Protein backbone atom coordinates (compact mmCIF):
# COMPACT_ATOMS: atom_id res chain seq x y z
CA MET A 1 -41.20 143.34 19.41
CA PHE A 2 -41.53 143.86 23.19
CA ASP A 3 -43.33 147.21 23.14
CA PRO A 4 -46.70 146.17 21.65
CA THR A 5 -46.89 143.11 23.91
CA CYS A 6 -45.97 145.02 27.06
CA LYS A 7 -48.39 147.83 26.25
CA PHE A 8 -51.18 145.32 25.66
CA LEU A 9 -50.49 143.56 28.97
CA ALA A 10 -50.29 146.79 30.99
CA GLU A 11 -53.45 148.23 29.44
CA THR A 12 -55.44 144.99 29.60
CA PHE A 13 -54.38 144.01 33.10
CA SER A 14 -53.95 147.47 34.63
CA SER A 15 -55.35 146.49 38.04
CA ASP A 16 -52.88 143.59 38.20
CA PHE A 17 -50.01 145.95 37.37
CA ALA A 18 -51.28 148.34 40.05
CA SER A 19 -51.36 145.52 42.60
CA TRP A 20 -47.82 144.50 41.67
CA LEU A 21 -46.27 147.98 41.43
CA LEU A 22 -48.33 149.93 43.97
CA GLY A 23 -49.05 147.15 46.45
CA GLU A 24 -52.83 147.45 46.24
CA PRO A 25 -55.50 146.78 43.64
CA ILE A 26 -56.64 150.09 42.19
CA ALA A 27 -58.92 150.45 39.20
CA LEU A 28 -56.96 152.42 36.62
CA THR A 29 -57.91 153.80 33.25
CA GLN A 30 -55.56 154.72 30.44
CA LEU A 31 -54.48 158.35 30.22
CA SER A 32 -53.36 159.48 26.81
CA PRO A 33 -49.89 161.04 26.72
CA THR A 34 -51.34 163.65 24.34
CA GLU A 35 -53.23 165.06 27.33
CA LEU A 36 -49.86 166.16 28.69
CA SER A 37 -48.45 167.66 25.56
CA LEU A 38 -46.42 170.79 25.52
CA GLU A 39 -44.85 169.17 22.51
CA PRO A 40 -45.58 165.61 21.41
CA ILE A 41 -44.25 162.82 23.58
CA ARG A 42 -42.41 160.37 21.36
CA ALA A 43 -42.01 157.45 23.73
CA ASP A 44 -42.71 154.11 22.18
CA SER A 45 -43.66 152.38 25.40
CA LEU A 46 -45.05 155.07 27.71
CA ILE A 47 -48.14 153.92 29.58
CA LEU A 48 -50.01 156.27 31.86
CA LEU A 49 -52.77 154.82 34.02
CA ALA A 50 -54.91 156.99 36.25
CA SER A 51 -57.34 156.64 39.14
CA ASP A 52 -58.97 159.40 41.14
CA GLU A 53 -55.96 159.63 43.45
CA ILE A 54 -52.90 158.41 41.56
CA ILE A 55 -51.24 158.21 38.18
CA LEU A 56 -49.02 155.24 37.44
CA GLN A 57 -46.45 155.63 34.71
CA ILE A 58 -44.96 152.44 33.34
CA GLU A 59 -42.08 152.66 30.92
CA PHE A 60 -40.77 149.50 29.29
CA GLN A 61 -37.15 149.51 28.13
CA THR A 62 -35.04 146.86 26.48
CA ASP A 63 -31.71 148.68 26.73
CA PRO A 64 -30.30 151.26 29.15
CA ASP A 65 -31.07 154.83 28.11
CA PRO A 66 -28.79 157.59 29.41
CA THR A 67 -31.66 160.10 29.13
CA MET A 68 -34.12 158.05 31.21
CA ALA A 69 -33.82 160.15 34.38
CA PHE A 70 -34.49 163.35 32.41
CA ARG A 71 -37.42 161.75 30.57
CA MET A 72 -38.99 160.58 33.83
CA ALA A 73 -38.61 164.07 35.34
CA ASP A 74 -40.15 165.57 32.19
CA TYR A 75 -43.15 163.21 32.37
CA ARG A 76 -43.60 164.02 36.06
CA LEU A 77 -43.67 167.76 35.41
CA ARG A 78 -46.15 167.31 32.56
CA VAL A 79 -48.45 165.26 34.77
CA TYR A 80 -48.13 167.80 37.59
CA ARG A 81 -49.16 170.65 35.29
CA ARG A 82 -52.30 168.76 34.24
CA PHE A 83 -53.11 167.03 37.55
CA PRO A 84 -51.45 168.97 40.40
CA ASN A 85 -53.41 167.18 43.15
CA LYS A 86 -52.68 163.61 42.10
CA GLN A 87 -49.84 161.45 43.36
CA MET A 88 -47.65 159.84 40.74
CA ARG A 89 -45.62 156.67 40.77
CA GLN A 90 -43.13 156.09 37.99
CA VAL A 91 -41.65 152.71 37.13
CA VAL A 92 -39.18 151.70 34.46
CA ILE A 93 -39.23 147.99 33.72
CA TYR A 94 -36.14 146.74 31.93
CA LEU A 95 -36.90 143.69 29.85
CA THR A 96 -33.34 142.46 29.33
CA PRO A 97 -30.61 141.83 31.91
CA SER A 98 -28.13 144.64 32.46
CA SER A 99 -25.33 145.49 34.85
CA ASN A 100 -25.65 149.20 33.99
CA VAL A 101 -25.72 151.20 37.25
CA PRO A 102 -28.73 153.44 36.37
CA VAL A 103 -30.75 150.33 35.49
CA LEU A 104 -30.17 148.94 38.97
CA GLN A 105 -31.40 152.07 40.80
CA TRP A 106 -34.60 152.04 42.80
């Protein structure tokens, strides 16, 4: 229920998400996760947005996921292999309240 709506918002209003998450308005275009494939990425809410200098990864989650740190590291390595000279910012946005410690990390 949340995933299609969040994906639509992030893809449609990517410069607004960049302003909010990166602190400056940057024109971003969608980067297909298949461009990073060693094996298929099976994330239901992975959004990769790219500019000439930076890649912004937005991951929407409804519930805490104990594998999130590993998944984020995996995405970062995949992006680095394909775009070694670009910066990357990764953000997980939890859509439901949680007191889970990993959810509260910066």
